[in-house]
Amino acid sequence: MDAKAIKSVADFLIADFANEMKTTLRVFEAVPANHLDYRPDAKAKTGLGLLRHITLEDEWLLNSIVAGAFAPPPSDADTCGIMNPADAIAQYKARIPAALERVRAMSGENLSNTIDMFGMVKMPGVNFIALAVKHSVHHRGQLSTYLRAMGGTVPGIYGPSADTPK
């Protein structure tokens, strides 16, 4: 693909990510603050762990695209500043749109450059935008499956849920 086509694909993926952000925030808002230690299995992240993971790594992935390189992922320890859903919502609203705008400002030429993700995957930056969308949606889906077990309700994601008022 030429740079113009790459920029068109990137613009589509960025719009898709921006649309998914609204749904991610609805899921974050539905997380009960009193059961953040819930996890369905010992290998799974806790509810708080998923809030942190989505917020921190969505930004990290987007910033890595802009940088053209991957630094080590951010720590999701208690020192990250996210201790409850309200913290995650505030950080997500402050950081993710800004990171997405930095990606939006990139040229098609820059987005065509190959980025190496720790030797595991090498692909053009535009492909990493698609990966960032998938990463966010995947972990948001995990978190949405926790909501009822945590004592919450599931918001509409791609249509109404069983908990959506009729």
Protein backbone atom coordinates (compact mmCIF):
# COMPACT_ATOMS: atom_id res chain seq x y z
CA MET A 1 0.00 0.00 0.00
CA ASP A 2 1.11 3.52 -0.60
CA ALA A 3 1.23 6.15 2.15
CA LYS A 4 -2.17 7.63 1.19
CA ALA A 5 -3.87 4.23 1.44
CA ILE A 6 -2.15 3.49 4.74
CA LYS A 7 -3.37 6.83 6.14
CA SER A 8 -6.92 6.00 5.02
CA VAL A 9 -6.79 2.62 6.76
CA ALA A 10 -5.32 4.27 9.86
CA ASP A 11 -8.10 6.88 9.90
CA PHE A 12 -10.70 4.10 9.76
CA LEU A 13 -9.03 2.17 12.60
CA ILE A 14 -8.65 5.31 14.72
CA ALA A 15 -12.35 6.10 14.30
CA ASP A 16 -13.14 2.50 15.28
CA PHE A 17 -10.96 2.79 18.40
CA ALA A 18 -12.60 6.13 19.32
CA ASN A 19 -16.02 4.51 19.02
CA GLU A 20 -14.97 1.54 21.17
CA MET A 21 -13.69 3.94 23.86
CA LYS A 22 -17.28 4.98 24.65
CA THR A 23 -18.23 1.36 25.28
CA THR A 24 -15.11 0.76 27.36
CA LEU A 25 -16.04 3.68 29.59
CA ARG A 26 -19.59 2.28 30.01
CA VAL A 27 -18.10 -1.03 31.16
CA PHE A 28 -15.70 0.79 33.54
CA GLU A 29 -18.66 2.74 34.97
CA ALA A 30 -20.50 -0.54 35.62
CA VAL A 31 -17.69 -2.06 37.70
CA PRO A 32 -18.72 -2.26 41.38
CA ALA A 33 -16.03 -0.62 43.51
CA ASN A 34 -16.61 -2.99 46.43
CA HIS A 35 -15.61 -6.24 44.66
CA LEU A 36 -12.45 -5.30 42.76
CA ASP A 37 -10.66 -8.39 44.02
CA TYR A 38 -13.01 -10.68 42.06
CA ARG A 39 -11.36 -13.06 39.60
CA PRO A 40 -13.01 -16.13 38.07
CA ASP A 41 -9.85 -18.22 38.26
CA ALA A 42 -6.48 -18.07 39.97
CA LYS A 43 -4.79 -17.44 36.60
CA ALA A 44 -7.12 -14.54 35.75
CA LYS A 45 -6.57 -10.89 36.55
CA THR A 46 -8.78 -9.33 39.20
CA GLY A 47 -11.39 -6.75 38.27
CA LEU A 48 -8.98 -4.05 39.42
CA GLY A 49 -6.18 -5.69 37.45
CA LEU A 50 -8.26 -5.51 34.26
CA LEU A 51 -9.18 -1.86 34.87
CA ARG A 52 -5.48 -1.11 35.21
CA HIS A 53 -4.42 -3.29 32.29
CA ILE A 54 -6.86 -1.76 29.82
CA THR A 55 -6.15 1.82 30.88
CA LEU A 56 -2.37 1.52 31.02
CA GLU A 57 -1.75 -0.75 28.06
CA ASP A 58 -4.15 0.97 25.67
CA GLU A 59 -2.09 4.12 26.17
CA TRP A 60 1.19 2.19 25.99
CA LEU A 61 0.26 0.53 22.68
CA LEU A 62 -0.78 3.83 21.12
CA ASN A 63 2.31 5.64 22.38
CA SER A 64 4.51 2.82 21.08
CA ILE A 65 3.06 3.29 17.60
CA VAL A 66 3.94 6.99 17.75
CA ALA A 67 7.43 6.24 19.08
CA GLY A 68 8.02 3.56 16.48
CA ALA A 69 9.33 1.25 19.20
CA PHE A 70 8.10 -0.66 22.21
CA ALA A 71 9.44 0.18 25.65
CA PRO A 72 8.64 -2.27 28.46
CA PRO A 73 4.92 -2.23 29.31
CA PRO A 74 3.79 -0.12 32.25
CA SER A 75 3.53 -1.60 35.73
CA ASP A 76 0.02 -2.25 36.95
CA ALA A 77 1.10 -2.32 40.60
CA ASP A 78 -0.67 -0.30 43.28
CA THR A 79 1.70 2.58 42.51
CA CYS A 80 0.08 3.15 39.08
CA GLY A 81 -2.56 5.48 40.53
CA ILE A 82 -5.57 3.32 39.70
CA MET A 83 -7.19 2.03 42.87
CA ASN A 84 -10.88 1.97 41.83
CA PRO A 85 -13.15 2.38 38.79
CA ALA A 86 -13.27 6.17 39.20
CA ASP A 87 -9.47 6.36 38.97
CA ALA A 88 -9.48 4.18 35.84
CA ILE A 89 -12.19 6.31 34.25
CA ALA A 90 -10.34 9.54 35.02
CA GLN A 91 -7.01 8.24 33.67
CA TYR A 92 -8.65 6.66 30.62
CA LYS A 93 -10.47 9.89 29.74
CA ALA A 94 -7.32 11.96 30.22
CA ARG A 95 -4.81 9.70 28.49
CA ILE A 96 -6.37 7.53 25.81
CA PRO A 97 -7.94 10.25 23.63
CA ALA A 98 -4.67 12.21 23.76
CA ALA A 99 -2.66 9.14 22.76
CA LEU A 100 -5.11 8.39 19.95
CA GLU A 101 -4.74 11.97 18.69
CA ARG A 102 -0.97 11.51 18.57
CA VAL A 103 -1.49 8.46 16.36
CA ARG A 104 -4.01 10.38 14.22
CA ALA A 105 -1.36 13.08 13.60
CA MET A 106 1.08 10.55 12.11
CA SER A 107 1.72 10.52 8.38
CA GLY A 108 1.04 7.53 6.17
CA GLU A 109 4.80 7.26 5.67
CA ASN A 110 5.42 6.97 9.42
CA LEU A 111 2.57 4.49 9.82
CA SER A 112 4.12 2.29 7.13
CA ASN A 113 7.34 1.88 9.11
CA THR A 114 7.86 -1.57 10.60
CA ILE A 115 7.83 -1.76 14.38
CA ASP A 116 9.37 -4.66 16.29
CA MET A 117 7.39 -5.76 19.34
CA PHE A 118 10.09 -7.47 21.39
CA GLY A 119 11.00 -9.83 18.55
CA MET A 120 7.55 -11.48 18.78
CA VAL A 121 5.83 -9.50 16.02
CA LYS A 122 7.18 -7.16 13.36
CA MET A 123 4.66 -5.19 11.32
CA PRO A 124 3.84 -1.70 10.11
CA GLY A 125 2.55 0.80 12.65
CA VAL A 126 -0.86 0.86 10.98
CA ASN A 127 -1.23 -2.84 11.81
CA PHE A 128 -0.52 -2.09 15.45
CA ILE A 129 -3.52 0.27 15.50
CA ALA A 130 -5.70 -2.73 14.64
CA LEU A 131 -3.93 -4.73 17.34
CA ALA A 132 -4.58 -1.95 19.88
CA VAL A 133 -8.31 -2.01 19.08
CA LYS A 134 -8.42 -5.80 19.43
CA HIS A 135 -6.44 -5.71 22.67
CA SER A 136 -8.80 -3.18 24.23
CA VAL A 137 -11.97 -4.97 23.11
CA HIS A 138 -10.62 -8.35 24.23
CA HIS A 139 -9.85 -7.24 27.77
CA ARG A 140 -13.03 -5.16 28.01
CA GLY A 141 -14.90 -8.36 27.11
CA GLN A 142 -13.14 -10.16 29.94
CA LEU A 143 -14.10 -7.40 32.37
CA SER A 144 -17.71 -7.40 31.18
CA THR A 145 -18.00 -11.09 32.06
CA TYR A 146 -16.97 -10.26 35.63
CA LEU A 147 -19.66 -7.64 36.22
CA ARG A 148 -22.58 -9.81 37.36
CA ALA A 149 -20.36 -11.97 39.57
CA MET A 150 -19.06 -8.73 41.13
CA GLY A 151 -22.64 -7.68 41.91
CA GLY A 152 -23.02 -5.29 39.00
CA THR A 153 -24.97 -5.16 35.77
CA VAL A 154 -23.75 -5.45 32.20
CA PRO A 155 -24.28 -2.37 30.03
CA GLY A 156 -25.18 -2.61 26.39
CA ILE A 157 -22.02 -3.27 24.41
CA TYR A 158 -22.99 -4.06 20.80
CA GLY A 159 -26.67 -3.86 21.57
CA PRO A 160 -28.74 -4.34 24.70
CA SER A 161 -27.73 -6.79 27.41
CA ALA A 162 -30.03 -8.78 29.66
CA ASP A 163 -29.49 -5.97 32.17
CA THR A 164 -30.40 -3.14 29.81
CA PRO A 165 -33.74 -1.54 30.71
CA LYS A 166 -36.36 -2.32 28.14
